[in-house]
Amino acid sequence: MTTEDFRRWREALSRLAVPCLIAWGARDPAFRADEARELARLIPGARLVLFAHASHFLPEDRPQALGRLISPFLERPEAVPHQG
């Protein structure tokens, strides 16, 4: 990915018009929690949930908790409270 690709990608996020749930491992060594907060800030109406005891492999670290979060979002996206 080039710097220009990244710039265009960031600009595109602000135009998303669909419900967006960001589930993130707070201990992710590759992509820090502040990057998740930045994504949530850039995406209108995005909902961010940071999992304190999870890293980059969130589905492996916290599979049940992630499932409990995703299921209501898929059934009714507005049902998941914003925690970002």
Protein backbone atom coordinates (compact mmCIF):
# COMPACT_ATOMS: atom_id res chain seq x y z
CA MET A 1 0.00 0.00 0.00
CA THR A 2 1.37 3.40 -0.93
CA THR A 3 0.92 6.66 0.94
CA GLU A 4 -1.53 7.76 -1.76
CA ASP A 5 -3.53 4.53 -1.40
CA PHE A 6 -3.75 5.09 2.33
CA ARG A 7 -4.90 8.69 1.87
CA ARG A 8 -7.67 7.64 -0.53
CA TRP A 9 -8.71 4.83 1.78
CA ARG A 10 -9.01 7.22 4.74
CA GLU A 11 -11.05 9.68 2.66
CA ALA A 12 -13.39 6.89 1.57
CA LEU A 13 -14.15 5.94 5.18
CA SER A 14 -15.92 9.24 5.78
CA ARG A 15 -18.34 8.40 2.95
CA LEU A 16 -19.49 5.05 4.34
CA ALA A 17 -23.25 5.04 4.77
CA VAL A 18 -23.78 1.61 6.31
CA PRO A 19 -23.77 0.44 9.92
CA CYS A 20 -20.23 -0.33 11.01
CA LEU A 21 -19.13 -2.29 14.06
CA ILE A 22 -15.42 -2.25 14.85
CA ALA A 23 -14.36 -5.05 17.20
CA TRP A 24 -10.71 -4.72 18.22
CA GLY A 25 -8.25 -6.40 20.53
CA ALA A 26 -6.84 -3.74 22.85
CA ARG A 27 -3.55 -5.66 23.12
CA ASP A 28 -3.04 -5.98 19.35
CA PRO A 29 0.70 -5.46 18.76
CA ALA A 30 0.27 -4.91 15.01
CA PHE A 31 -2.58 -2.38 15.06
CA ARG A 32 -2.86 -0.32 18.22
CA ALA A 33 -6.09 0.64 19.97
CA ASP A 34 -5.58 4.29 19.04
CA GLU A 35 -5.78 3.22 15.38
CA ALA A 36 -9.15 1.62 16.11
CA ARG A 37 -10.30 4.85 17.71
CA GLU A 38 -9.16 6.74 14.62
CA LEU A 39 -11.16 4.39 12.38
CA ALA A 40 -14.24 4.89 14.55
CA ARG A 41 -13.75 8.64 14.35
CA LEU A 42 -13.47 8.56 10.55
CA ILE A 43 -16.49 6.33 9.90
CA PRO A 44 -19.79 8.15 10.51
CA GLY A 45 -21.77 6.42 13.25
CA ALA A 46 -19.22 3.63 13.70
CA ARG A 47 -19.39 1.65 16.91
CA LEU A 48 -16.09 0.63 18.47
CA VAL A 49 -15.73 -2.15 21.02
CA LEU A 50 -12.26 -2.74 22.44
CA PHE A 51 -11.66 -6.13 24.02
CA ALA A 52 -9.24 -5.52 26.89
CA HIS A 53 -7.89 -9.07 27.06
CA ALA A 54 -7.50 -9.75 23.35
CA SER A 55 -4.83 -9.18 20.76
CA HIS A 56 -4.67 -9.37 16.96
CA PHE A 57 -6.53 -12.69 16.79
CA LEU A 58 -9.75 -11.54 18.43
CA PRO A 59 -11.86 -14.49 17.20
CA GLU A 60 -9.38 -16.88 18.83
CA ASP A 61 -8.80 -14.82 21.97
CA ARG A 62 -12.45 -14.06 22.78
CA PRO A 63 -14.70 -16.15 20.50
CA GLN A 64 -17.79 -16.24 22.74
CA ALA A 65 -17.64 -12.55 23.61
CA LEU A 66 -17.15 -11.63 19.96
CA GLY A 67 -20.10 -13.79 18.97
CA ARG A 68 -22.29 -12.14 21.62
CA LEU A 69 -21.32 -8.76 20.18
CA ILE A 70 -21.73 -9.58 16.51
CA SER A 71 -25.04 -11.49 16.68
CA PRO A 72 -27.22 -8.57 17.82
CA PHE A 73 -25.42 -6.25 15.41
CA LEU A 74 -26.28 -8.50 12.48
CA GLU A 75 -29.86 -8.85 13.67
CA ARG A 76 -30.30 -5.15 14.39
CA PRO A 77 -27.20 -2.96 13.88
CA GLU A 78 -28.53 -0.12 16.04
CA ALA A 79 -28.84 -2.49 19.04
CA VAL A 80 -25.11 -2.49 19.82
CA PRO A 81 -24.23 0.54 21.98
CA HIS A 82 -21.38 2.78 20.92
CA GLN A 83 -18.42 2.13 23.20
CA GLY A 84 -15.72 4.07 21.38
